[in-house]
């Protein structure tokens, strides 16, 4: 397997190197098929293992829109404080706060099915699942509040 292909897949998806290598092996070096493999097999495998774990750590993220008339607080939970301190986890929390500010979901269930504001081909649940796969821990949205003047 070519190291360049593994690195490219890793850079494009954020999945661990060994997972990218396995996906490329399964897809016989085809990057598009490897991405499909990651979306179906790997994410489902990780979700079945991680989905029931308790999420007792996490962070609170905030977002204030530039017009200063919309603000959001969101609680994003994970299993360990180690993951809560990563840039990837903080970035996810900020993206969720931005999503809530822009789309105004009534609850977490509605949030999960919304198209992701940065890529409408994906939904929010898919973005969270991708983060669970990449970070290796269960991630849940604890609660959120959106204020608007």
Protein backbone atom coordinates (compact mmCIF):
# COMPACT_ATOMS: atom_id res chain seq x y z
CA UNK A 1 0.00 0.00 0.00
CA UNK A 2 1.38 3.39 -0.93
CA UNK A 3 2.10 5.72 1.94
CA UNK A 4 0.90 8.72 -0.11
CA UNK A 5 -2.56 7.18 -0.53
CA UNK A 6 -2.83 6.44 3.18
CA UNK A 7 -1.74 9.99 4.05
CA UNK A 8 -4.20 11.48 1.54
CA UNK A 9 -7.10 9.44 2.93
CA UNK A 10 -6.08 10.34 6.49
CA UNK A 11 -5.90 14.06 5.62
CA UNK A 12 -9.27 14.00 3.87
CA UNK A 13 -11.18 11.99 6.48
CA UNK A 14 -9.40 12.43 9.81
CA UNK A 15 -9.52 8.70 10.55
CA UNK A 16 -6.56 6.94 12.22
CA UNK A 17 -3.74 5.83 9.92
CA UNK A 18 -4.24 2.10 10.49
CA UNK A 19 -7.96 2.44 9.76
CA UNK A 20 -7.16 4.29 6.52
CA UNK A 21 -4.70 1.57 5.58
CA UNK A 22 -7.33 -1.15 6.15
CA UNK A 23 -9.92 0.80 4.16
CA UNK A 24 -7.51 1.12 1.23
CA UNK A 25 -6.68 -2.59 1.43
CA UNK A 26 -10.40 -3.47 1.40
CA UNK A 27 -11.00 -1.16 -1.57
CA UNK A 28 -7.88 -2.29 -3.48
CA UNK A 29 -6.38 1.21 -3.38
CA UNK A 30 -9.46 3.09 -4.63
CA UNK A 31 -9.78 6.22 -2.45
CA UNK A 32 -13.47 6.82 -3.25
CA UNK A 33 -14.36 3.24 -2.30
CA UNK A 34 -12.18 3.53 0.81
CA UNK A 35 -14.21 6.57 1.90
CA UNK A 36 -17.42 4.60 1.41
CA UNK A 37 -15.93 1.76 3.47
CA UNK A 38 -15.10 4.19 6.27
CA UNK A 39 -18.61 5.66 6.22
CA UNK A 40 -20.38 2.33 6.36
CA UNK A 41 -18.34 -0.41 7.95
CA UNK A 42 -15.97 1.49 10.22
CA UNK A 43 -18.42 4.08 11.55
CA UNK A 44 -21.06 1.44 12.26
CA UNK A 45 -18.49 -0.77 13.95
CA UNK A 46 -17.26 2.05 16.16
CA UNK A 47 -20.77 3.27 16.93
CA UNK A 48 -21.87 -0.18 18.07
CA UNK A 49 -18.89 -0.36 20.42
CA UNK A 50 -18.90 3.22 21.68
CA UNK A 51 -22.57 4.20 21.53
CA UNK A 52 -23.54 2.88 24.95
CA UNK A 53 -20.59 4.27 26.91
CA UNK A 54 -21.27 7.01 29.44
CA UNK A 55 -20.23 10.55 28.58
CA UNK A 56 -19.37 12.24 31.88
CA UNK A 57 -16.81 14.76 30.61
CA UNK A 58 -16.98 17.48 28.00
CA UNK A 59 -17.11 21.20 27.39
CA UNK A 60 -19.50 24.09 26.98
CA UNK A 61 -19.05 26.05 23.77
CA UNK A 62 -20.55 29.40 22.87
CA UNK A 63 -21.25 31.30 19.70
CA UNK A 64 -22.34 34.92 19.27
CA UNK A 65 -23.45 35.90 15.77
CA UNK A 66 -21.79 38.97 14.23
CA UNK A 67 -25.02 40.99 14.51
CA UNK A 68 -24.92 40.32 18.28
CA UNK A 69 -28.59 39.37 18.23
CA UNK A 70 -28.18 35.56 18.32
CA UNK A 71 -26.18 33.60 20.88
CA UNK A 72 -25.80 29.89 21.66
CA UNK A 73 -24.46 27.76 24.51
CA UNK A 74 -24.02 24.04 23.82
CA UNK A 75 -22.87 21.26 26.14
CA UNK A 76 -20.93 18.57 24.28
CA UNK A 77 -20.03 15.45 26.25
CA UNK A 78 -17.41 12.73 25.83
CA UNK A 79 -15.96 9.90 27.89
CA UNK A 80 -12.68 11.44 29.09
CA UNK A 81 -11.24 14.86 29.82
CA UNK A 82 -8.33 13.93 27.53
CA UNK A 83 -10.62 13.99 24.47
CA UNK A 84 -12.48 17.06 25.78
CA UNK A 85 -9.17 18.95 25.64
CA UNK A 86 -8.44 18.15 21.99
CA UNK A 87 -8.73 20.69 19.19
CA UNK A 88 -10.95 18.29 17.22
CA UNK A 89 -13.50 18.05 20.05
CA UNK A 90 -13.52 21.81 20.66
CA UNK A 91 -13.93 22.38 16.92
CA UNK A 92 -16.93 20.03 16.84
CA UNK A 93 -18.51 21.89 19.78
CA UNK A 94 -18.01 25.22 18.00
CA UNK A 95 -19.47 23.84 14.77
CA UNK A 96 -22.52 22.60 16.66
CA UNK A 97 -22.99 26.00 18.30
CA UNK A 98 -22.83 27.63 14.87
CA UNK A 99 -25.30 25.07 13.51
CA UNK A 100 -27.75 25.77 16.34
CA UNK A 101 -27.44 29.53 15.85
CA UNK A 102 -28.14 29.26 12.13
CA UNK A 103 -30.78 26.53 12.02
CA UNK A 104 -32.59 26.95 15.40
CA UNK A 105 -33.44 23.29 16.16
CA UNK A 106 -36.04 22.70 18.86
CA UNK A 107 -34.13 19.79 20.44
CA UNK A 108 -31.19 17.42 19.92
CA UNK A 109 -33.26 14.97 17.87
CA UNK A 110 -34.15 17.72 15.41
CA UNK A 111 -30.53 18.93 15.39
CA UNK A 112 -29.21 15.49 14.40
CA UNK A 113 -31.32 15.23 11.25
CA UNK A 114 -30.62 18.76 10.00
CA UNK A 115 -28.37 19.20 6.96
CA UNK A 116 -24.93 20.35 8.11
CA UNK A 117 -24.59 24.06 7.34
CA UNK A 118 -21.09 23.75 5.87
CA UNK A 119 -21.98 20.75 3.67
CA UNK A 120 -25.71 20.14 3.10
CA UNK A 121 -24.93 16.70 1.63
CA UNK A 122 -24.17 15.60 5.22
CA UNK A 123 -26.33 15.77 8.31
CA UNK A 124 -25.28 16.74 11.84
CA UNK A 125 -25.53 13.16 13.11
CA UNK A 126 -23.06 12.10 10.42
CA UNK A 127 -20.60 14.80 11.52
CA UNK A 128 -20.87 13.62 15.13
CA UNK A 129 -20.44 9.97 14.07
CA UNK A 130 -17.33 10.89 12.12
CA UNK A 131 -15.91 12.57 15.23
CA UNK A 132 -16.73 9.51 17.34
CA UNK A 133 -14.83 7.36 14.85
CA UNK A 134 -11.88 9.72 14.66
CA UNK A 135 -11.58 10.40 18.41
CA UNK A 136 -12.45 6.87 19.55
CA UNK A 137 -14.96 7.90 22.21
CA UNK A 138 -18.70 8.24 22.48
CA UNK A 139 -19.87 11.84 22.02
CA UNK A 140 -23.28 13.19 22.96
CA UNK A 141 -24.96 16.58 22.91
CA UNK A 142 -25.96 17.19 26.51
CA UNK A 143 -28.12 20.28 26.11
CA UNK A 144 -28.18 23.60 24.34
CA UNK A 145 -29.89 26.96 24.48
CA UNK A 146 -30.26 29.58 21.77
CA UNK A 147 -30.98 33.22 22.56
CA UNK A 148 -32.29 35.69 20.02
CA UNK A 149 -33.20 39.35 20.32
